[in-house]
Amino acid sequence: MVRFGAGGHAFAVEAHHVRAMLTTAPEQARQAEDLLGLMPLPGPRRWLVMETAGITRCVEAAEPVRLQVIDAQLIHLPPPLLAARLTLPALVAIAFDRQGLVLVLDPLVLLAE
């Protein structure tokens, strides 16, 4: 998984959807917070070139950005009560690691925004 920050939260997408990480802003980048409906926080940023189903977009994400193994046993579907009330687009699973909660996103939904 590639883990990144947005709006003060930790998010992740499957690593095979991330083609590159850039240290300077390209012209066509969209903020992850904008795609997720969150408020951006100040701090260092990176730009992730993501691709899925023929859609390629550059997403600006907050540091830290890193490649991380998340054990499959630690990834769960959102509980039905929570899933029925979710307003966060692209959320498909929740995971827990040493740093806490990680929200796992579907890149197809994220990039289609």
Protein backbone atom coordinates (compact mmCIF):
# COMPACT_ATOMS: atom_id res chain seq x y z
CA MET A 1 0.00 0.00 0.00
CA VAL A 2 1.04 3.59 -0.49
CA ARG A 3 0.13 5.51 2.64
CA PHE A 4 -0.33 9.29 2.58
CA GLY A 5 -1.90 12.07 4.56
CA ALA A 6 -4.92 14.24 3.76
CA GLY A 7 -6.84 16.53 6.07
CA GLY A 8 -4.99 15.22 9.11
CA HIS A 9 -5.93 11.59 8.44
CA ALA A 10 -3.98 8.61 7.08
CA PHE A 11 -5.10 7.10 3.77
CA ALA A 12 -3.78 4.28 1.59
CA VAL A 13 -4.23 2.90 -1.92
CA GLU A 14 -2.86 -0.30 -3.38
CA ALA A 15 0.71 0.37 -4.48
CA HIS A 16 0.27 -0.91 -8.04
CA HIS A 17 -1.98 2.11 -8.75
CA VAL A 18 0.80 4.59 -7.90
CA ARG A 19 3.13 5.07 -10.88
CA ALA A 20 5.40 7.77 -9.45
CA MET A 21 5.95 10.22 -6.62
CA LEU A 22 7.00 13.76 -7.50
CA THR A 23 8.60 16.40 -5.29
CA THR A 24 7.44 19.37 -7.37
CA ALA A 25 3.91 20.30 -8.34
CA PRO A 26 2.78 19.53 -11.90
CA GLU A 27 0.19 21.83 -13.49
CA GLN A 28 -2.73 19.39 -13.41
CA ALA A 29 -2.54 18.11 -9.80
CA ARG A 30 -5.63 17.89 -7.56
CA GLN A 31 -5.37 18.00 -3.80
CA ALA A 32 -6.33 14.76 -2.07
CA GLU A 33 -8.35 16.83 0.40
CA ASP A 34 -10.36 18.35 -2.46
CA LEU A 35 -11.12 14.88 -3.87
CA LEU A 36 -12.15 13.63 -0.41
CA GLY A 37 -14.09 16.68 0.74
CA LEU A 38 -11.61 17.53 3.54
CA MET A 39 -9.85 20.71 4.61
CA PRO A 40 -6.15 20.81 3.68
CA LEU A 41 -3.65 21.35 6.47
CA PRO A 42 -0.34 23.20 6.09
CA GLY A 43 2.82 21.15 5.76
CA PRO A 44 5.08 19.36 3.30
CA ARG A 45 3.43 17.84 0.22
CA ARG A 46 4.18 15.19 -2.39
CA TRP A 47 2.48 14.48 -5.70
CA LEU A 48 1.41 10.94 -6.53
CA VAL A 49 0.82 9.92 -10.14
CA MET A 50 -2.02 7.38 -9.86
CA GLU A 51 -3.49 5.23 -12.60
CA THR A 52 -6.44 2.87 -12.71
CA ALA A 53 -8.81 1.71 -15.45
CA GLY A 54 -7.15 3.99 -18.00
CA ILE A 55 -7.50 7.10 -15.81
CA THR A 56 -4.27 8.84 -14.84
CA ARG A 57 -4.24 11.73 -12.40
CA CYS A 58 -1.72 13.48 -10.21
CA VAL A 59 -2.88 13.76 -6.60
CA GLU A 60 -1.27 16.15 -4.14
CA ALA A 61 -0.95 14.48 -0.74
CA ALA A 62 0.39 15.49 2.65
CA GLU A 63 3.54 13.99 4.11
CA PRO A 64 4.38 11.43 5.22
CA VAL A 65 4.02 9.47 1.98
CA ARG A 66 5.48 6.00 2.07
CA LEU A 67 5.23 2.47 0.78
CA GLN A 68 3.94 0.30 3.60
CA VAL A 69 2.93 -3.32 4.07
CA ILE A 70 -0.38 -3.61 5.88
CA ASP A 71 -1.15 -7.15 6.99
CA ALA A 72 -4.38 -8.38 5.36
CA GLN A 73 -5.67 -9.42 8.78
CA LEU A 74 -5.62 -5.77 9.80
CA ILE A 75 -7.82 -4.59 6.90
CA HIS A 76 -11.58 -4.67 7.42
CA LEU A 77 -14.71 -3.62 5.60
CA PRO A 78 -16.44 -0.75 7.37
CA PRO A 79 -19.11 -2.05 9.78
CA PRO A 80 -22.61 -1.86 8.21
CA LEU A 81 -23.81 0.89 10.55
CA LEU A 82 -20.78 3.03 9.67
CA ALA A 83 -20.93 2.16 5.95
CA ALA A 84 -24.55 3.35 5.78
CA ARG A 85 -23.52 6.80 7.00
CA LEU A 86 -20.19 7.32 5.24
CA THR A 87 -19.78 10.57 3.37
CA LEU A 88 -16.13 10.00 2.48
CA PRO A 89 -15.97 9.15 -1.23
CA ALA A 90 -13.82 6.21 -2.31
CA LEU A 91 -13.53 4.63 1.18
CA VAL A 92 -13.60 0.83 0.82
CA ALA A 93 -11.88 -0.44 3.96
CA ILE A 94 -10.34 0.51 7.26
CA ALA A 95 -7.04 -0.77 8.54
CA PHE A 96 -5.06 -0.47 11.73
CA ASP A 97 -1.30 -0.31 12.04
CA ARG A 98 1.21 0.85 14.66
CA GLN A 99 0.34 4.50 14.00
CA GLY A 100 -3.44 3.96 14.22
CA LEU A 101 -6.30 4.08 11.75
CA VAL A 102 -5.65 3.98 7.99
CA LEU A 103 -8.52 4.62 5.58
CA VAL A 104 -8.17 2.50 2.43
CA LEU A 105 -9.43 4.10 -0.78
CA ASP A 106 -10.65 2.78 -4.12
CA PRO A 107 -8.50 4.67 -6.64
CA LEU A 108 -11.10 4.32 -9.39
CA VAL A 109 -13.65 6.28 -7.35
CA LEU A 110 -11.00 8.72 -6.10
CA LEU A 111 -9.67 9.52 -9.57
CA ALA A 112 -13.12 9.80 -11.14
CA GLU A 113 -13.95 12.76 -8.88
